Amino acid sequence: MELLRIEGLKKKIKKKKILNGISLTVNSGEIVGFLGPNGAGKTTTIKMILGLFSIDAGHISICGHDVVSDFEKAMEQVGGIVENPDLYKRLTGRENLEYFSSLYPHIDTTSIDEVVKLVKMSGRIDDKVKTYSLGMCQRVGIAQALLHNPRLLVLDEPTNGLDPIGIKELRDLLRYLAKEAGVGVFISSHLLSEMELMCDRIYIIDNGAMIGEKAMHQQNLIEDDVFSYSFLTADNNKTLAYFQEMQTNCALENGGVSLVMKRSEIPAIIKALIEKDINIYAVNQKQRTLEQDFISMTTGSKTQIQ
């Protein structure tokens, strides 16, 4: 089910064009990443989703409710954190949640206990926030965003300042919310490797425009698609000489022989190598990383080339 739809979103701040017609969707049960260089428009987009910035042009709907014409119903379905969670440090974690729960109807002690357990803060929730680590503050912030049982969770750079353990705990929590509770998660981050592990889909924004979308963990089985492969054999030099005879783009690399070819060509090449008495230990397809896609799409790569 579609939870978030953005169509043709535009925004200017002090005559500067921040967003230029971006469109995207987030569905129930999936984690969607939002990547872009600093100043690309990520935080502005998130603030517009949460009703913190006005919309110059375009539309945002949450669970079918337009954030302009049906603001209250739209906001009932979304919870979010922009940058760092804003907690009262002199209060305990529970007191913070009790205060925020008073802003919503029908949230009782049981609901607070449930979200505290969900974010694994039961053992520390009655301690003062000033004693918390940044990771604990992030977990209480997510608990705050989940208090009213939203269907969409929007997070702006939630991994900032977290150590590797804290990042893994956050990743596990978000994947649980998506896969077990059916929550849709829209998350921005600059940690490309973490987004690659966490997300189902990625949108890439640059200079206020959407420049790419990438489905993660998707195996492409099209026979004529071209990939880079690495052949690990008993005689890599002999293998390299054979590939050079075929006039292919090949090279010795990382203990094997790499070359670019169609998937459909692999069986014939394996057969030919066996006929030449070359034992084959492994054939590996080298996947493009999210980092490679990100750099190639954004102005970061253009700056390096010029």
Protein backbone atom coordinates (compact mmCIF):
# COMPACT_ATOMS: atom_id res chain seq x y z
CA MET A 1 0.00 0.00 0.00
CA GLU A 2 1.28 3.46 -0.88
CA LEU A 3 1.88 5.60 2.22
CA LEU A 4 3.71 8.62 0.83
CA ARG A 5 3.42 10.23 -2.59
CA ILE A 6 5.31 13.34 -3.66
CA GLU A 7 4.61 14.81 -7.10
CA GLY A 8 6.39 17.73 -8.75
CA LEU A 9 7.51 19.29 -5.46
CA LYS A 10 9.08 22.75 -5.76
CA LYS A 11 10.47 25.14 -3.16
CA LYS A 12 12.29 28.49 -3.18
CA ILE A 13 13.88 30.12 -0.14
CA LYS A 14 14.96 33.76 -0.51
CA LYS A 15 14.64 33.48 -4.31
CA LYS A 16 16.98 30.48 -4.33
CA LYS A 17 15.54 27.35 -5.94
CA ILE A 18 15.89 24.54 -3.38
CA LEU A 19 13.64 21.86 -4.93
CA ASN A 20 12.80 21.60 -8.61
CA GLY A 21 9.93 19.20 -9.28
CA ILE A 22 10.91 16.08 -7.32
CA SER A 23 8.62 13.04 -7.17
CA LEU A 24 8.84 9.83 -5.12
CA THR A 25 6.79 7.20 -3.29
CA VAL A 26 7.08 5.10 -0.12
CA ASN A 27 5.03 1.93 0.37
CA SER A 28 3.96 0.03 3.46
CA GLY A 29 6.63 -2.32 4.81
CA GLU A 30 9.61 -0.86 2.94
CA ILE A 31 12.57 1.32 3.87
CA VAL A 32 13.30 3.99 1.29
CA GLY A 33 16.59 5.90 1.39
CA PHE A 34 17.05 9.52 0.37
CA LEU A 35 20.60 10.38 -0.68
CA GLY A 36 22.27 13.51 -1.93
CA PRO A 37 25.26 15.81 -1.36
CA ASN A 38 25.10 18.49 1.32
CA GLY A 39 22.67 21.20 0.23
CA ALA A 40 20.89 18.94 -2.28
CA GLY A 41 17.48 19.49 -0.66
CA LYS A 42 17.03 16.42 1.54
CA THR A 43 16.17 18.18 4.82
CA THR A 44 13.95 20.69 3.02
CA THR A 45 11.97 17.82 1.50
CA ILE A 46 11.58 16.13 4.88
CA LYS A 47 10.45 19.37 6.54
CA MET A 48 7.82 19.78 3.82
CA ILE A 49 6.57 16.22 4.38
CA LEU A 50 6.19 16.98 8.09
CA GLY A 51 4.42 20.28 7.45
CA LEU A 52 7.28 22.43 8.73
CA PHE A 53 7.80 24.21 5.38
CA SER A 54 5.14 25.46 2.99
CA ILE A 55 4.81 24.04 -0.52
CA ASP A 56 5.40 26.39 -3.46
CA ALA A 57 4.23 23.91 -6.10
CA GLY A 58 3.45 20.22 -6.33
CA HIS A 59 1.67 17.84 -3.96
CA ILE A 60 2.46 15.68 -0.93
CA SER A 61 -0.04 13.09 0.28
CA ILE A 62 0.29 10.76 3.27
CA CYS A 63 -2.01 7.72 3.26
CA GLY A 64 -4.12 9.53 0.69
CA HIS A 65 -4.45 12.76 2.71
CA ASP A 66 -3.06 15.95 1.16
CA VAL A 67 -0.74 17.73 3.62
CA VAL A 68 -2.16 21.12 2.61
CA SER A 69 -5.90 20.57 2.31
CA ASP A 70 -6.16 17.73 4.86
CA PHE A 71 -3.26 18.56 7.16
CA GLU A 72 -4.46 17.05 10.45
CA LYS A 73 -5.41 13.67 8.99
CA ALA A 74 -2.13 13.55 7.07
CA MET A 75 -0.07 14.31 10.20
CA GLU A 76 -1.94 11.64 12.19
CA GLN A 77 -0.31 9.04 9.94
CA VAL A 78 3.31 10.23 10.16
CA GLY A 79 6.00 10.40 12.83
CA GLY A 80 9.35 12.03 12.26
CA ILE A 81 12.68 13.27 13.53
CA VAL A 82 14.48 16.14 11.81
CA GLU A 83 18.22 15.97 12.54
CA ASN A 84 18.54 15.22 16.30
CA PRO A 85 15.64 14.35 18.65
CA ASP A 86 14.67 17.32 20.81
CA LEU A 87 14.41 15.98 24.37
CA TYR A 88 14.30 17.72 27.75
CA LYS A 89 17.55 16.67 29.38
CA ARG A 90 16.47 17.44 32.96
CA LEU A 91 13.58 14.98 32.61
CA THR A 92 13.70 11.19 32.40
CA GLY A 93 13.04 9.41 29.15
CA ARG A 94 9.62 8.35 30.41
CA GLU A 95 8.74 11.89 31.48
CA ASN A 96 9.65 13.11 27.99
CA LEU A 97 7.38 10.51 26.42
CA GLU A 98 4.57 11.32 28.86
CA TYR A 99 4.84 15.00 27.94
CA PHE A 100 4.75 14.31 24.20
CA SER A 101 1.91 11.80 24.63
CA SER A 102 -0.21 14.58 26.15
CA LEU A 103 -0.22 16.24 22.73
CA TYR A 104 -2.18 13.30 21.31
CA PRO A 105 -5.53 11.81 22.33
CA HIS A 106 -5.87 8.19 23.48
CA ILE A 107 -2.21 7.51 24.39
CA ASP A 108 -1.96 5.80 27.78
CA THR A 109 0.78 4.26 29.92
CA THR A 110 0.45 0.94 28.13
CA SER A 111 1.20 2.59 24.77
CA ILE A 112 4.31 4.24 26.23
CA ASP A 113 5.53 0.94 27.67
CA GLU A 114 5.04 -0.75 24.30
CA VAL A 115 7.16 1.73 22.35
CA VAL A 116 9.82 1.77 25.08
CA LYS A 117 10.10 -2.00 24.84
CA LEU A 118 10.16 -1.81 21.05
CA VAL A 119 13.18 0.53 21.03
CA LYS A 120 14.92 -1.50 23.80
CA MET A 121 15.01 1.26 26.40
CA SER A 122 13.09 -0.44 29.23
CA GLY A 123 16.16 -0.62 31.47
CA ARG A 124 17.01 3.08 31.17
CA ILE A 125 13.75 4.85 30.45
CA ASP A 126 13.42 6.13 34.05
CA ASP A 127 16.90 7.69 34.05
CA LYS A 128 17.38 11.36 33.21
CA VAL A 129 18.07 12.09 29.55
CA LYS A 130 21.28 13.96 30.47
CA THR A 131 22.79 10.57 31.37
CA TYR A 132 21.98 9.02 27.98
CA SER A 133 24.36 8.35 25.14
CA LEU A 134 23.51 9.75 21.73
CA GLY A 135 22.28 6.32 20.65
CA MET A 136 19.89 6.18 23.60
CA CYS A 137 18.58 9.65 22.74
CA GLN A 138 17.97 8.48 19.17
CA ARG A 139 16.01 5.47 20.42
CA VAL A 140 13.86 7.61 22.72
CA GLY A 141 13.35 10.00 19.80
CA ILE A 142 12.08 7.16 17.64
CA ALA A 143 9.85 6.02 20.51
CA GLN A 144 8.45 9.56 20.61
CA ALA A 145 7.79 9.45 16.85
CA LEU A 146 6.00 6.09 17.24
CA LEU A 147 3.77 7.08 20.19
CA HIS A 148 0.66 7.70 18.09
CA ASN A 149 1.17 4.52 16.04
CA PRO A 150 1.93 6.20 12.68
CA ARG A 151 2.02 4.25 9.43
CA LEU A 152 4.90 6.34 8.03
CA LEU A 153 8.18 7.14 9.81
CA VAL A 154 10.37 9.95 8.42
CA LEU A 155 13.94 10.28 9.70
CA ASP A 156 16.56 12.88 8.78
CA GLU A 157 20.15 11.65 9.30
CA PRO A 158 19.30 9.43 12.32
CA THR A 159 22.73 7.75 12.29
CA ASN A 160 24.64 11.00 12.93
CA GLY A 161 27.07 10.52 15.80
CA LEU A 162 26.18 6.88 16.43
CA ASP A 163 28.89 4.27 16.95
CA PRO A 164 28.82 1.04 14.87
CA ILE A 165 26.80 -0.83 17.52
CA GLY A 166 24.26 1.99 17.73
CA ILE A 167 23.95 2.09 13.93
CA LYS A 168 23.33 -1.68 13.77
CA GLU A 169 20.72 -1.46 16.54
CA LEU A 170 18.95 1.34 14.66
CA ARG A 171 19.08 -0.66 11.42
CA ASP A 172 17.62 -3.74 13.13
CA LEU A 173 14.86 -1.65 14.71
CA LEU A 174 13.86 0.00 11.44
CA ARG A 175 13.85 -3.29 9.57
CA TYR A 176 11.66 -4.79 12.31
CA LEU A 177 9.22 -1.89 12.07
CA ALA A 178 9.05 -2.23 8.29
CA LYS A 179 8.86 -6.00 7.94
CA GLU A 180 6.96 -6.99 11.08
CA ALA A 181 4.79 -3.93 11.79
CA GLY A 182 4.28 -2.79 8.18
CA VAL A 183 5.57 0.73 8.82
CA GLY A 184 6.91 2.62 5.82
CA VAL A 185 10.26 4.28 6.57
CA PHE A 186 11.68 7.25 4.64
CA ILE A 187 15.25 7.97 5.76
CA SER A 188 18.01 10.33 4.68
CA SER A 189 21.64 9.60 5.46
CA HIS A 190 25.17 10.23 4.20
CA LEU A 191 26.37 6.72 5.22
CA LEU A 192 26.17 4.97 1.86
CA SER A 193 27.29 1.55 3.08
CA GLU A 194 24.65 1.59 5.82
CA MET A 195 21.90 2.66 3.41
CA GLU A 196 22.92 -0.18 1.13
CA LEU A 197 22.38 -2.66 3.98
CA MET A 198 19.18 -1.09 5.30
CA CYS A 199 17.09 0.10 2.36
CA ASP A 200 14.80 -1.58 -0.15
CA ARG A 201 14.97 1.37 -2.56
CA ILE A 202 17.11 4.49 -2.87
CA TYR A 203 16.32 7.89 -4.37
CA ILE A 204 19.23 10.21 -5.24
CA ILE A 205 18.74 13.99 -5.30
CA ASP A 206 21.20 16.62 -6.49
CA ASN A 207 20.75 20.39 -6.78
CA GLY A 208 17.09 20.02 -5.85
CA ALA A 209 16.29 17.56 -8.67
CA MET A 210 15.71 13.80 -8.55
CA ILE A 211 18.45 12.20 -10.63
CA GLY A 212 18.14 8.51 -9.88
CA GLU A 213 16.29 5.62 -8.27
CA LYS A 214 17.87 2.29 -7.40
CA ALA A 215 16.28 -0.93 -6.14
CA MET A 216 18.56 -2.67 -3.66
CA HIS A 217 19.21 -6.43 -3.34
CA GLN A 218 17.61 -7.07 -6.73
CA GLN A 219 19.12 -9.81 -8.85
CA ASN A 220 19.08 -9.04 -12.56
CA LEU A 221 18.66 -12.24 -14.61
CA ILE A 222 18.57 -10.76 -18.11
CA GLU A 223 20.84 -12.82 -20.33
CA ASP A 224 22.13 -9.95 -22.47
CA ASP A 225 22.97 -7.60 -19.61
CA VAL A 226 26.67 -6.71 -19.49
CA PHE A 227 28.59 -7.03 -16.22
CA SER A 228 32.17 -7.21 -15.01
CA TYR A 229 33.23 -10.72 -14.00
CA SER A 230 36.25 -12.17 -12.23
CA PHE A 231 37.54 -15.63 -13.19
CA LEU A 232 39.70 -17.39 -10.59
CA THR A 233 41.56 -20.27 -12.26
CA ALA A 234 44.53 -22.57 -11.72
CA ASP A 235 46.52 -20.64 -14.35
CA ASN A 236 45.49 -16.98 -14.47
CA ASN A 237 48.20 -16.05 -16.97
CA LYS A 238 46.98 -18.71 -19.43
CA THR A 239 43.40 -17.54 -18.85
CA LEU A 240 44.42 -13.94 -19.50
CA ALA A 241 46.16 -14.94 -22.76
CA TYR A 242 42.99 -16.74 -23.90
CA PHE A 243 40.81 -13.71 -23.19
CA GLN A 244 43.29 -11.45 -25.00
CA GLU A 245 43.01 -13.70 -28.07
CA MET A 246 39.26 -13.01 -27.95
CA GLN A 247 40.11 -9.27 -27.99
CA THR A 248 38.13 -8.65 -24.82
CA ASN A 249 38.76 -5.93 -22.25
CA CYS A 250 40.50 -8.02 -19.58
CA ALA A 251 43.15 -7.70 -16.87
CA LEU A 252 44.78 -9.49 -13.96
CA GLU A 253 43.07 -8.20 -10.83
CA ASN A 254 42.84 -9.33 -7.17
CA GLY A 255 44.22 -12.81 -7.82
CA GLY A 256 41.98 -13.49 -10.83
CA VAL A 257 41.24 -12.33 -14.36
CA SER A 258 38.55 -9.69 -14.78
CA LEU A 259 36.63 -8.95 -17.96
CA VAL A 260 33.41 -7.32 -19.12
CA MET A 261 30.93 -9.51 -21.02
CA LYS A 262 27.30 -10.58 -21.37
CA ARG A 263 25.86 -13.04 -18.88
CA SER A 264 24.84 -15.30 -21.77
CA GLU A 265 28.51 -15.73 -22.79
CA ILE A 266 29.60 -17.37 -19.53
CA PRO A 267 28.77 -21.04 -20.35
CA ALA A 268 30.73 -20.99 -23.61
CA ILE A 269 33.74 -19.37 -21.95
CA ILE A 270 33.74 -21.90 -19.10
CA LYS A 271 33.54 -24.75 -21.64
CA ALA A 272 36.43 -23.29 -23.66
CA LEU A 273 38.64 -22.93 -20.57
CA ILE A 274 37.95 -26.54 -19.54
CA GLU A 275 38.85 -27.71 -23.04
CA LYS A 276 42.18 -25.89 -22.63
CA ASP A 277 42.76 -27.85 -19.39
CA ILE A 278 42.40 -24.74 -17.23
CA ASN A 279 40.76 -25.59 -13.92
CA ILE A 280 38.18 -22.99 -12.81
CA TYR A 281 37.79 -22.33 -9.11
CA ALA A 282 35.23 -19.50 -9.20
CA VAL A 283 33.41 -17.04 -11.47
CA ASN A 284 32.17 -13.96 -9.63
CA GLN A 285 29.96 -11.16 -10.89
CA LYS A 286 31.19 -7.82 -9.58
CA GLN A 287 28.17 -5.78 -8.50
CA ARG A 288 28.17 -2.01 -8.74
CA THR A 289 28.10 -0.51 -5.27
CA LEU A 290 25.75 2.21 -4.11
CA GLU A 291 28.81 4.44 -3.69
CA GLN A 292 29.73 4.00 -7.37
CA ASP A 293 26.17 4.84 -8.45
CA PHE A 294 25.99 7.83 -6.12
CA ILE A 295 29.29 9.34 -7.28
CA SER A 296 28.53 8.77 -10.95
CA MET A 297 25.11 10.45 -10.67
CA THR A 298 25.91 13.47 -8.53
CA THR A 299 28.00 16.57 -9.09
CA GLY A 300 30.75 15.05 -6.96
CA SER A 301 31.94 12.98 -9.91
CA LYS A 302 31.53 15.90 -12.33
CA THR A 303 33.73 18.08 -10.14
CA GLN A 304 36.49 15.47 -10.15
CA ILE A 305 36.45 15.11 -13.93
CA GLN A 306 36.55 18.83 -14.76
